[in-house]
Amino acid sequence: HDLTGRPGLTPPGPTPGYRPSAALDRHVRARDRRCRFPGCRRRVPKAGELDHVRTWPDGETSAANLAGFCTSHHRGKHQAPGWHHELTPDGTLTVTTPTGLTAVTEPPPY
């Protein structure tokens, strides 16, 4: 599988603990490239801003549970109540607003 989980290279395995391994960090940044919040085109900062979609420790530190966000949307995800994020193993992110609107983003093609 390639960096997105599609046929090609496989993603690195999960990392024990909160912080991703260097290989996992590189993989998620290469897969996402820009903020995954729907409509946002900002780059993911080089340090930090990879988010556990399912909050750690309930969600593991893995490519199937990490998404890149810009600083604003990463903060908003944790500070704005009622938003729901779901990430599939291929990197597809579904965001549901407090009013029930849903938007889906996929990793950019390679």
PDB file of N, CA and C in Angstrom:
ATOM      1  N   HIS A   1       0.848  -1.186   0.000  1.00  0.00           N
ATOM      2  CA  HIS A   1       0.000   0.000   0.000  1.00  0.00           C
ATOM      3  C   HIS A   1       0.886   1.239   0.000  1.00  0.00           C
ATOM      4  N   ASP A   2       0.368   2.313  -0.614  1.00  0.00           N
ATOM      5  CA  ASP A   2       1.149   3.546  -0.604  1.00  0.00           C
ATOM      6  C   ASP A   2       0.919   4.291   0.708  1.00  0.00           C
ATOM      7  N   LEU A   3       1.383   5.521   0.799  1.00  0.00           N
ATOM      8  CA  LEU A   3       1.301   6.274   2.047  1.00  0.00           C
ATOM      9  C   LEU A   3      -0.129   6.529   2.498  1.00  0.00           C
ATOM     10  N   THR A   4      -1.091   6.377   1.631  1.00  0.00           N
ATOM     11  CA  THR A   4      -2.486   6.602   1.998  1.00  0.00           C
ATOM     12  C   THR A   4      -3.214   5.319   2.351  1.00  0.00           C
ATOM     13  N   GLY A   5      -2.537   4.172   2.298  1.00  0.00           N
ATOM     14  CA  GLY A   5      -3.199   2.908   2.578  1.00  0.00           C
ATOM     15  C   GLY A   5      -3.715   2.238   1.317  1.00  0.00           C
ATOM     16  N   ARG A   6      -3.566   2.888   0.190  1.00  0.00           N
ATOM     17  CA  ARG A   6      -3.966   2.287  -1.082  1.00  0.00           C
ATOM     18  C   ARG A   6      -2.821   1.407  -1.558  1.00  0.00           C
ATOM     19  N   PRO A   7      -2.995   0.600  -2.604  1.00  0.00           N
ATOM     20  CA  PRO A   7      -1.924  -0.311  -3.032  1.00  0.00           C
ATOM     21  C   PRO A   7      -0.571   0.387  -3.167  1.00  0.00           C
ATOM     22  N   GLY A   8       0.440  -0.153  -2.536  1.00  0.00           N
ATOM     23  CA  GLY A   8       1.789   0.429  -2.516  1.00  0.00           C
ATOM     24  C   GLY A   8       2.463   0.122  -1.194  1.00  0.00           C
ATOM     25  N   LEU A   9       3.058   1.122  -0.543  1.00  0.00           N
ATOM     26  CA  LEU A   9       3.753   0.950   0.737  1.00  0.00           C
ATOM     27  C   LEU A   9       2.769   0.880   1.895  1.00  0.00           C
ATOM     28  N   THR A  10       3.079   0.072   2.896  1.00  0.00           N
ATOM     29  CA  THR A  10       2.219   0.003   4.078  1.00  0.00           C
ATOM     30  C   THR A  10       2.671   1.031   5.106  1.00  0.00           C
ATOM     31  N   PRO A  11       1.735   1.570   5.899  1.00  0.00           N
ATOM     32  CA  PRO A  11       2.115   2.535   6.930  1.00  0.00           C
ATOM     33  C   PRO A  11       2.862   1.846   8.063  1.00  0.00           C
ATOM     34  N   PRO A  12       3.673   2.599   8.810  1.00  0.00           N
ATOM     35  CA  PRO A  12       4.341   2.023   9.979  1.00  0.00           C
ATOM     36  C   PRO A  12       3.299   1.574  11.005  1.00  0.00           C
ATOM     37  N   GLY A  13       3.685   0.663  11.850  1.00  0.00           N
ATOM     38  CA  GLY A  13       2.783   0.176  12.889  1.00  0.00           C
ATOM     39  C   GLY A  13       2.533   1.215  13.970  1.00  0.00           C
ATOM     40  N   PRO A  14       1.603   0.922  14.879  1.00  0.00           N
ATOM     41  CA  PRO A  14       1.297   1.841  15.976  1.00  0.00           C
ATOM     42  C   PRO A  14       2.504   2.065  16.883  1.00  0.00           C
ATOM     43  N   THR A  15       2.492   3.200  17.557  1.00  0.00           N
ATOM     44  CA  THR A  15       3.530   3.553  18.515  1.00  0.00           C
ATOM     45  C   THR A  15       2.946   3.424  19.916  1.00  0.00           C
ATOM     46  N   PRO A  16       3.657   2.773  20.841  1.00  0.00           N
ATOM     47  CA  PRO A  16       3.151   2.761  22.218  1.00  0.00           C
ATOM     48  C   PRO A  16       3.308   4.163  22.810  1.00  0.00           C
ATOM     49  N   GLY A  17       2.319   4.635  23.510  1.00  0.00           N
ATOM     50  CA  GLY A  17       2.399   5.965  24.097  1.00  0.00           C
ATOM     51  C   GLY A  17       1.750   7.017  23.217  1.00  0.00           C
ATOM     52  N   TYR A  18       1.857   8.257  23.658  1.00  0.00           N
ATOM     53  CA  TYR A  18       1.156   9.381  23.038  1.00  0.00           C
ATOM     54  C   TYR A  18       1.818   9.882  21.760  1.00  0.00           C
ATOM     55  N   ARG A  19       3.130  10.033  21.771  1.00  0.00           N
ATOM     56  CA  ARG A  19       3.849  10.613  20.628  1.00  0.00           C
ATOM     57  C   ARG A  19       4.133   9.563  19.558  1.00  0.00           C
ATOM     58  N   PRO A  20       3.879   9.911  18.276  1.00  0.00           N
ATOM     59  CA  PRO A  20       4.182   8.956  17.207  1.00  0.00           C
ATOM     60  C   PRO A  20       5.684   8.798  17.014  1.00  0.00           C
ATOM     61  N   SER A  21       6.088   7.640  16.523  1.00  0.00           N
ATOM     62  CA  SER A  21       7.496   7.441  16.159  1.00  0.00           C
ATOM     63  C   SER A  21       7.828   8.384  15.006  1.00  0.00           C
ATOM     64  N   ALA A  22       9.115   8.572  14.744  1.00  0.00           N
ATOM     65  CA  ALA A  22       9.534   9.442  13.640  1.00  0.00           C
ATOM     66  C   ALA A  22       8.972   8.937  12.317  1.00  0.00           C
ATOM     67  N   ALA A  23       8.983   7.608  12.118  1.00  0.00           N
ATOM     68  CA  ALA A  23       8.470   7.038  10.869  1.00  0.00           C
ATOM     69  C   ALA A  23       6.963   7.271  10.730  1.00  0.00           C
ATOM     70  N   LEU A  24       6.228   7.107  11.817  1.00  0.00           N
ATOM     71  CA  LEU A  24       4.784   7.316  11.785  1.00  0.00           C
ATOM     72  C   LEU A  24       4.468   8.794  11.560  1.00  0.00           C
ATOM     73  N   ASP A  25       5.199   9.675  12.216  1.00  0.00           N
ATOM     74  CA  ASP A  25       5.033  11.115  12.033  1.00  0.00           C
ATOM     75  C   ASP A  25       5.235  11.487  10.560  1.00  0.00           C
ATOM     76  N   ARG A  26       6.333  11.002   9.959  1.00  0.00           N
ATOM     77  CA  ARG A  26       6.611  11.292   8.538  1.00  0.00           C
ATOM     78  C   ARG A  26       5.502  10.752   7.639  1.00  0.00           C
ATOM     79  N   HIS A  27       5.034   9.552   7.945  1.00  0.00           N
ATOM     80  CA  HIS A  27       3.985   8.928   7.133  1.00  0.00           C
ATOM     81  C   HIS A  27       2.707   9.772   7.131  1.00  0.00           C
ATOM     82  N   VAL A  28       2.243  10.164   8.311  1.00  0.00           N
ATOM     83  CA  VAL A  28       0.990  10.925   8.407  1.00  0.00           C
ATOM     84  C   VAL A  28       1.146  12.287   7.732  1.00  0.00           C
ATOM     85  N   ARG A  29       2.284  12.949   7.930  1.00  0.00           N
ATOM     86  CA  ARG A  29       2.508  14.247   7.277  1.00  0.00           C
ATOM     87  C   ARG A  29       2.577  14.111   5.760  1.00  0.00           C
ATOM     88  N   ALA A  30       3.201  13.033   5.273  1.00  0.00           N
ATOM     89  CA  ALA A  30       3.270  12.804   3.825  1.00  0.00           C
ATOM     90  C   ALA A  30       1.879  12.471   3.272  1.00  0.00           C
ATOM     91  N   ARG A  31       1.106  11.720   4.027  1.00  0.00           N
ATOM     92  CA  ARG A  31      -0.252  11.354   3.589  1.00  0.00           C
ATOM     93  C   ARG A  31      -1.156  12.580   3.530  1.00  0.00           C
ATOM     94  N   ASP A  32      -1.141  13.390   4.585  1.00  0.00           N
ATOM     95  CA  ASP A  32      -2.095  14.494   4.694  1.00  0.00           C
ATOM     96  C   ASP A  32      -1.618  15.778   4.005  1.00  0.00           C
ATOM     97  N   ARG A  33      -0.368  16.123   4.171  1.00  0.00           N
ATOM     98  CA  ARG A  33       0.266  17.313   3.592  1.00  0.00           C
ATOM     99  C   ARG A  33      -0.319  18.636   4.061  1.00  0.00           C
ATOM    100  N   ARG A  34      -1.596  18.779   4.092  1.00  0.00           N
ATOM    101  CA  ARG A  34      -2.241  20.018   4.545  1.00  0.00           C
ATOM    102  C   ARG A  34      -3.287  19.677   5.601  1.00  0.00           C
ATOM    103  N   CYS A  35      -3.783  20.726   6.268  1.00  0.00           N
ATOM    104  CA  CYS A  35      -4.816  20.543   7.292  1.00  0.00           C
ATOM    105  C   CYS A  35      -5.966  19.727   6.714  1.00  0.00           C
ATOM    106  N   ARG A  36      -6.425  18.761   7.476  1.00  0.00           N
ATOM    107  CA  ARG A  36      -7.494  17.869   7.008  1.00  0.00           C
ATOM    108  C   ARG A  36      -8.894  18.411   7.283  1.00  0.00           C
ATOM    109  N   PHE A  37      -8.991  19.555   7.971  1.00  0.00           N
ATOM    110  CA  PHE A  37     -10.316  20.118   8.208  1.00  0.00           C
ATOM    111  C   PHE A  37     -10.919  20.504   6.863  1.00  0.00           C
ATOM    112  N   PRO A  38     -12.194  20.169   6.616  1.00  0.00           N
ATOM    113  CA  PRO A  38     -12.808  20.456   5.317  1.00  0.00           C
ATOM    114  C   PRO A  38     -12.663  21.921   4.904  1.00  0.00           C
ATOM    115  N   GLY A  39     -12.127  22.129   3.703  1.00  0.00           N
ATOM    116  CA  GLY A  39     -11.968  23.470   3.141  1.00  0.00           C
ATOM    117  C   GLY A  39     -10.696  24.190   3.522  1.00  0.00           C
ATOM    118  N   CYS A  40      -9.947  23.692   4.479  1.00  0.00           N
ATOM    119  CA  CYS A  40      -8.717  24.365   4.910  1.00  0.00           C
ATOM    120  C   CYS A  40      -7.554  23.937   4.017  1.00  0.00           C
ATOM    121  N   ARG A  41      -6.718  24.891   3.632  1.00  0.00           N
ATOM    122  CA  ARG A  41      -5.568  24.597   2.774  1.00  0.00           C
ATOM    123  C   ARG A  41      -4.242  24.892   3.477  1.00  0.00           C
ATOM    124  N   ARG A  42      -4.293  25.210   4.789  1.00  0.00           N
ATOM    125  CA  ARG A  42      -3.054  25.520   5.505  1.00  0.00           C
ATOM    126  C   ARG A  42      -2.192  24.276   5.652  1.00  0.00           C
ATOM    127  N   ARG A  43      -0.901  24.500   5.707  1.00  0.00           N
ATOM    128  CA  ARG A  43       0.034  23.395   5.939  1.00  0.00           C
ATOM    129  C   ARG A  43      -0.033  22.961   7.402  1.00  0.00           C
ATOM    130  N   VAL A  44       0.280  21.706   7.624  1.00  0.00           N
ATOM    131  CA  VAL A  44       0.396  21.194   8.990  1.00  0.00           C
ATOM    132  C   VAL A  44       1.762  21.646   9.504  1.00  0.00           C
ATOM    133  N   PRO A  45       1.835  22.304  10.671  1.00  0.00           N
ATOM    134  CA  PRO A  45       3.134  22.746  11.192  1.00  0.00           C
ATOM    135  C   PRO A  45       4.112  21.588  11.344  1.00  0.00           C
ATOM    136  N   LYS A  46       5.402  21.890  11.199  1.00  0.00           N
ATOM    137  CA  LYS A  46       6.431  20.840  11.255  1.00  0.00           C
ATOM    138  C   LYS A  46       6.529  20.177  12.619  1.00  0.00           C
ATOM    139  N   ALA A  47       6.209  20.902  13.667  1.00  0.00           N
ATOM    140  CA  ALA A  47       6.269  20.326  15.015  1.00  0.00           C
ATOM    141  C   ALA A  47       4.856  20.305  15.590  1.00  0.00           C
ATOM    142  N   GLY A  48       4.394  19.150  15.959  1.00  0.00           N
ATOM    143  CA  GLY A  48       3.080  19.034  16.580  1.00  0.00           C
ATOM    144  C   GLY A  48       1.944  19.068  15.578  1.00  0.00           C
ATOM    145  N   GLU A  49       0.742  19.207  16.076  1.00  0.00           N
ATOM    146  CA  GLU A  49      -0.497  19.326  15.325  1.00  0.00           C
ATOM    147  C   GLU A  49      -0.952  18.047  14.626  1.00  0.00           C
ATOM    148  N   LEU A  50      -0.323  16.914  14.910  1.00  0.00           N
ATOM    149  CA  LEU A  50      -0.925  15.644  14.509  1.00  0.00           C
ATOM    150  C   LEU A  50      -1.897  15.289  15.626  1.00  0.00           C
ATOM    151  N   ASP A  51      -3.123  15.002  15.264  1.00  0.00           N
ATOM    152  CA  ASP A  51      -4.164  14.817  16.261  1.00  0.00           C
ATOM    153  C   ASP A  51      -4.641  13.373  16.320  1.00  0.00           C
ATOM    154  N   HIS A  52      -4.825  12.882  17.539  1.00  0.00           N
ATOM    155  CA  HIS A  52      -5.475  11.587  17.739  1.00  0.00           C
ATOM    156  C   HIS A  52      -6.968  11.819  17.497  1.00  0.00           C
ATOM    157  N   VAL A  53      -7.510  11.266  16.424  1.00  0.00           N
ATOM    158  CA  VAL A  53      -8.920  11.469  16.114  1.00  0.00           C
ATOM    159  C   VAL A  53      -9.779  10.883  17.235  1.00  0.00           C
ATOM    160  N   ARG A  54      -9.493   9.659  17.649  1.00  0.00           N
ATOM    161  CA  ARG A  54     -10.058   9.101  18.883  1.00  0.00           C
ATOM    162  C   ARG A  54      -9.049   9.430  19.972  1.00  0.00           C
ATOM    163  N   THR A  55      -9.463  10.172  20.954  1.00  0.00           N
ATOM    164  CA  THR A  55      -8.566  10.695  21.977  1.00  0.00           C
ATOM    165  C   THR A  55      -7.718   9.603  22.614  1.00  0.00           C
ATOM    166  N   TRP A  56      -6.412   9.883  22.724  1.00  0.00           N
ATOM    167  CA  TRP A  56      -5.493   8.977  23.385  1.00  0.00           C
ATOM    168  C   TRP A  56      -5.769   9.044  24.880  1.00  0.00           C
ATOM    169  N   PRO A  57      -5.748   7.981  25.642  1.00  0.00           N
ATOM    170  CA  PRO A  57      -5.311   6.638  25.321  1.00  0.00           C
ATOM    171  C   PRO A  57      -6.411   5.722  24.787  1.00  0.00           C
ATOM    172  N   ASP A  58      -7.654   6.229  24.634  1.00  0.00           N
ATOM    173  CA  ASP A  58      -8.718   5.369  24.087  1.00  0.00           C
ATOM    174  C   ASP A  58      -8.442   4.992  22.638  1.00  0.00           C
ATOM    175  N   GLY A  59      -7.833   5.895  21.894  1.00  0.00           N
ATOM    176  CA  GLY A  59      -7.445   5.624  20.517  1.00  0.00           C
ATOM    177  C   GLY A  59      -5.941   5.492  20.432  1.00  0.00           C
ATOM    178  N   GLU A  60      -5.468   4.513  19.683  1.00  0.00           N
ATOM    179  CA  GLU A  60      -4.024   4.268  19.620  1.00  0.00           C
ATOM    180  C   GLU A  60      -3.308   5.327  18.786  1.00  0.00           C
ATOM    181  N   THR A  61      -1.996   5.366  18.945  1.00  0.00           N
ATOM    182  CA  THR A  61      -1.147   6.256  18.163  1.00  0.00           C
ATOM    183  C   THR A  61      -0.754   5.492  16.903  1.00  0.00           C
ATOM    184  N   SER A  62      -1.574   5.662  15.857  1.00  0.00           N
ATOM    185  CA  SER A  62      -1.368   4.923  14.609  1.00  0.00           C
ATOM    186  C   SER A  62      -1.822   5.781  13.431  1.00  0.00           C
ATOM    187  N   ALA A  63      -1.428   5.372  12.231  1.00  0.00           N
ATOM    188  CA  ALA A  63      -1.834   6.097  11.021  1.00  0.00           C
ATOM    189  C   ALA A  63      -3.354   6.106  10.871  1.00  0.00           C
ATOM    190  N   ALA A  64      -4.014   5.072  11.379  1.00  0.00           N
ATOM    191  CA  ALA A  64      -5.472   4.989  11.286  1.00  0.00           C
ATOM    192  C   ALA A  64      -6.174   5.865  12.314  1.00  0.00           C
ATOM    193  N   ASN A  65      -5.415   6.528  13.206  1.00  0.00           N
ATOM    194  CA  ASN A  65      -6.017   7.380  14.228  1.00  0.00           C
ATOM    195  C   ASN A  65      -5.344   8.744  14.331  1.00  0.00           C
ATOM    196  N   LEU A  66      -4.424   9.071  13.437  1.00  0.00           N
ATOM    197  CA  LEU A  66      -3.761  10.379  13.459  1.00  0.00           C
ATOM    198  C   LEU A  66      -4.106  11.150  12.190  1.00  0.00           C
ATOM    199  N   ALA A  67      -4.394  12.436  12.357  1.00  0.00           N
ATOM    200  CA  ALA A  67      -4.649  13.311  11.215  1.00  0.00           C
ATOM    201  C   ALA A  67      -3.926  14.630  11.441  1.00  0.00           C
ATOM    202  N   GLY A  68      -3.460  15.225  10.365  1.00  0.00           N
ATOM    203  CA  GLY A  68      -2.779  16.512  10.447  1.00  0.00           C
ATOM    204  C   GLY A  68      -3.774  17.661  10.394  1.00  0.00           C
ATOM    205  N   PHE A  69      -3.620  18.610  11.318  1.00  0.00           N
ATOM    206  CA  PHE A  69      -4.456  19.808  11.341  1.00  0.00           C
ATOM    207  C   PHE A  69      -3.568  21.034  11.471  1.00  0.00           C
ATOM    208  N   CYS A  70      -4.041  22.172  10.940  1.00  0.00           N
ATOM    209  CA  CYS A  70      -3.363  23.435  11.216  1.00  0.00           C
ATOM    210  C   CYS A  70      -3.622  23.754  12.692  1.00  0.00           C
ATOM    211  N   THR A  71      -2.890  24.705  13.235  1.00  0.00           N
ATOM    212  CA  THR A  71      -3.025  25.039  14.653  1.00  0.00           C
ATOM    213  C   THR A  71      -4.452  25.457  15.000  1.00  0.00           C
ATOM    214  N   SER A  72      -5.079  26.286  14.169  1.00  0.00           N
ATOM    215  CA  SER A  72      -6.437  26.774  14.460  1.00  0.00           C
ATOM    216  C   SER A  72      -7.453  25.639  14.526  1.00  0.00           C
ATOM    217  N   HIS A  73      -7.412  24.749  13.557  1.00  0.00           N
ATOM    218  CA  HIS A  73      -8.399  23.667  13.550  1.00  0.00           C
ATOM    219  C   HIS A  73      -8.087  22.590  14.586  1.00  0.00           C
ATOM    220  N   HIS A  74      -6.821  22.418  14.930  1.00  0.00           N
ATOM    221  CA  HIS A  74      -6.486  21.477  16.000  1.00  0.00           C
ATOM    222  C   HIS A  74      -7.047  21.993  17.322  1.00  0.00           C
ATOM    223  N   ARG A  75      -6.842  23.281  17.596  1.00  0.00           N
ATOM    224  CA  ARG A  75      -7.398  23.865  18.825  1.00  0.00           C
ATOM    225  C   ARG A  75      -8.917  23.782  18.823  1.00  0.00           C
ATOM    226  N   GLY A  76      -9.509  24.145  17.681  1.00  0.00           N
ATOM    227  CA  GLY A  76     -10.968  24.133  17.575  1.00  0.00           C
ATOM    228  C   GLY A  76     -11.564  22.761  17.816  1.00  0.00           C
ATOM    229  N   LYS A  77     -10.882  21.730  17.346  1.00  0.00           N
ATOM    230  CA  LYS A  77     -11.376  20.362  17.542  1.00  0.00           C
ATOM    231  C   LYS A  77     -11.518  20.042  19.027  1.00  0.00           C
ATOM    232  N   HIS A  78     -10.605  20.561  19.823  1.00  0.00           N
ATOM    233  CA  HIS A  78     -10.615  20.255  21.253  1.00  0.00           C
ATOM    234  C   HIS A  78     -11.415  21.254  22.081  1.00  0.00           C
ATOM    235  N   GLN A  79     -11.663  22.450  21.545  1.00  0.00           N
ATOM    236  CA  GLN A  79     -12.330  23.479  22.339  1.00  0.00           C
ATOM    237  C   GLN A  79     -13.787  23.715  21.957  1.00  0.00           C
ATOM    238  N   ALA A  80     -14.199  23.297  20.764  1.00  0.00           N
ATOM    239  CA  ALA A  80     -15.580  23.516  20.322  1.00  0.00           C
ATOM    240  C   ALA A  80     -16.393  22.245  20.563  1.00  0.00           C
ATOM    241  N   PRO A  81     -17.355  22.284  21.468  1.00  0.00           N
ATOM    242  CA  PRO A  81     -18.118  21.072  21.776  1.00  0.00           C
ATOM    243  C   PRO A  81     -19.049  20.671  20.635  1.00  0.00           C
ATOM    244  N   GLY A  82     -19.318  19.379  20.549  1.00  0.00           N
ATOM    245  CA  GLY A  82     -20.319  18.880  19.626  1.00  0.00           C
ATOM    246  C   GLY A  82     -19.830  18.452  18.259  1.00  0.00           C
ATOM    247  N   TRP A  83     -18.558  18.668  17.959  1.00  0.00           N
ATOM    248  CA  TRP A  83     -18.016  18.230  16.673  1.00  0.00           C
ATOM    249  C   TRP A  83     -17.571  16.780  16.794  1.00  0.00           C
ATOM    250  N   HIS A  84     -17.745  16.011  15.712  1.00  0.00           N
ATOM    251  CA  HIS A  84     -17.335  14.605  15.717  1.00  0.00           C
ATOM    252  C   HIS A  84     -16.432  14.358  14.517  1.00  0.00           C
ATOM    253  N   HIS A  85     -15.308  13.686  14.755  1.00  0.00           N
ATOM    254  CA  HIS A  85     -14.351  13.346  13.695  1.00  0.00           C
ATOM    255  C   HIS A  85     -14.193  11.832  13.649  1.00  0.00           C
ATOM    256  N   GLU A  86     -14.174  11.280  12.435  1.00  0.00           N
ATOM    257  CA  GLU A  86     -13.953   9.844  12.258  1.00  0.00           C
ATOM    258  C   GLU A  86     -12.954   9.646  11.121  1.00  0.00           C
ATOM    259  N   LEU A  87     -11.944   8.824  11.364  1.00  0.00           N
ATOM    260  CA  LEU A  87     -10.893   8.558  10.383  1.00  0.00           C
ATOM    261  C   LEU A  87     -10.888   7.076  10.045  1.00  0.00           C
ATOM    262  N   THR A  88     -10.886   6.749   8.757  1.00  0.00           N
ATOM    263  CA  THR A  88     -10.815   5.354   8.326  1.00  0.00           C
ATOM    264  C   THR A  88      -9.356   4.983   8.077  1.00  0.00           C
ATOM    265  N   PRO A  89      -9.033   3.692   8.019  1.00  0.00           N
ATOM    266  CA  PRO A  89      -7.639   3.279   7.812  1.00  0.00           C
ATOM    267  C   PRO A  89      -6.994   3.829   6.540  1.00  0.00           C
ATOM    268  N   ASP A  90      -7.790   4.154   5.508  1.00  0.00           N
ATOM    269  CA  ASP A  90      -7.196   4.708   4.283  1.00  0.00           C
ATOM    270  C   ASP A  90      -6.975   6.217   4.366  1.00  0.00           C
ATOM    271  N   GLY A  91      -7.290   6.837   5.520  1.00  0.00           N
ATOM    272  CA  GLY A  91      -7.049   8.260   5.714  1.00  0.00           C
ATOM    273  C   GLY A  91      -8.232   9.148   5.394  1.00  0.00           C
ATOM    274  N   THR A  92      -9.390   8.573   5.075  1.00  0.00           N
ATOM    275  CA  THR A  92     -10.583   9.377   4.812  1.00  0.00           C
ATOM    276  C   THR A  92     -11.109   9.919   6.143  1.00  0.00           C
ATOM    277  N   LEU A  93     -11.296  11.240   6.214  1.00  0.00           N
ATOM    278  CA  LEU A  93     -11.754  11.889   7.445  1.00  0.00           C
ATOM    279  C   LEU A  93     -13.173  12.405   7.238  1.00  0.00           C
ATOM    280  N   THR A  94     -14.067  12.033   8.148  1.00  0.00           N
ATOM    281  CA  THR A  94     -15.439  12.539   8.137  1.00  0.00           C
ATOM    282  C   THR A  94     -15.607  13.443   9.347  1.00  0.00           C
ATOM    283  N   VAL A  95     -16.050  14.671   9.103  1.00  0.00           N
ATOM    284  CA  VAL A  95     -16.273  15.647  10.166  1.00  0.00           C
ATOM    285  C   VAL A  95     -17.768  15.951  10.204  1.00  0.00           C
ATOM    286  N   THR A  96     -18.363  15.834  11.392  1.00  0.00           N
ATOM    287  CA  THR A  96     -19.782  16.133  11.573  1.00  0.00           C
ATOM    288  C   THR A  96     -19.909  17.314  12.527  1.00  0.00           C
ATOM    289  N   THR A  97     -20.671  18.331  12.111  1.00  0.00           N
ATOM    290  CA  THR A  97     -20.860  19.539  12.912  1.00  0.00           C
ATOM    291  C   THR A  97     -21.880  19.281  14.017  1.00  0.00           C
ATOM    292  N   PRO A  98     -21.967  20.186  14.993  1.00  0.00           N
ATOM    293  CA  PRO A  98     -22.970  20.028  16.044  1.00  0.00           C
ATOM    294  C   PRO A  98     -24.407  19.996  15.506  1.00  0.00           C
ATOM    295  N   THR A  99     -24.646  20.582  14.326  1.00  0.00           N
ATOM    296  CA  THR A  99     -25.996  20.585  13.747  1.00  0.00           C
ATOM    297  C   THR A  99     -26.255  19.390  12.841  1.00  0.00           C
ATOM    298  N   GLY A 100     -25.251  18.497  12.689  1.00  0.00           N
ATOM    299  CA  GLY A 100     -25.435  17.286  11.912  1.00  0.00           C
ATOM    300  C   GLY A 100     -24.953  17.336  10.471  1.00  0.00           C
ATOM    301  N   LEU A 101     -24.414  18.468  10.021  1.00  0.00           N
ATOM    302  CA  LEU A 101     -23.844  18.530   8.677  1.00  0.00           C
ATOM    303  C   LEU A 101     -22.567  17.703   8.638  1.00  0.00           C
ATOM    304  N   THR A 102     -22.335  17.007   7.541  1.00  0.00           N
ATOM    305  CA  THR A 102     -21.176  16.130   7.415  1.00  0.00           C
ATOM    306  C   THR A 102     -20.345  16.531   6.209  1.00  0.00           C
ATOM    307  N   ALA A 103     -19.026  16.539   6.385  1.00  0.00           N
ATOM    308  CA  ALA A 103     -18.091  16.787   5.283  1.00  0.00           C
ATOM    309  C   ALA A 103     -17.026  15.700   5.327  1.00  0.00           C
ATOM    310  N   VAL A 104     -16.614  15.249   4.156  1.00  0.00           N
ATOM    311  CA  VAL A 104     -15.624  14.181   4.040  1.00  0.00           C
ATOM    312  C   VAL A 104     -14.412  14.715   3.293  1.00  0.00           C
ATOM    313  N   THR A 105     -13.219  14.443   3.825  1.00  0.00           N
ATOM    314  CA  THR A 105     -11.985  14.785   3.117  1.00  0.00           C
ATOM    315  C   THR A 105     -11.157  13.518   2.958  1.00  0.00           C
ATOM    316  N   GLU A 106     -10.460  13.447   1.846  1.00  0.00           N
ATOM    317  CA  GLU A 106      -9.558  12.325   1.584  1.00  0.00           C
ATOM    318  C   GLU A 106      -8.147  12.855   1.447  1.00  0.00           C
ATOM    319  N   PRO A 107      -7.143  12.023   1.718  1.00  0.00           N
ATOM    320  CA  PRO A 107      -5.768  12.466   1.498  1.00  0.00           C
ATOM    321  C   PRO A 107      -5.580  12.814   0.016  1.00  0.00           C
ATOM    322  N   PRO A 108      -4.706  13.772  -0.286  1.00  0.00           N
ATOM    323  CA  PRO A 108      -4.473  14.099  -1.691  1.00  0.00           C
ATOM    324  C   PRO A 108      -3.871  12.908  -2.436  1.00  0.00           C
ATOM    325  N   PRO A 109      -4.132  12.801  -3.734  1.00  0.00           N
ATOM    326  CA  PRO A 109      -3.559  11.691  -4.502  1.00  0.00           C
ATOM    327  C   PRO A 109      -2.059  11.860  -4.679  1.00  0.00           C
ATOM    328  N   TYR A 110      -1.381  10.756  -4.906  1.00  0.00           N
ATOM    329  CA  TYR A 110       0.056  10.800  -5.140  1.00  0.00           C
ATOM    330  C   TYR A 110       0.340  10.570  -6.584  1.00  0.00           C
TER     331      TYR A 110
END
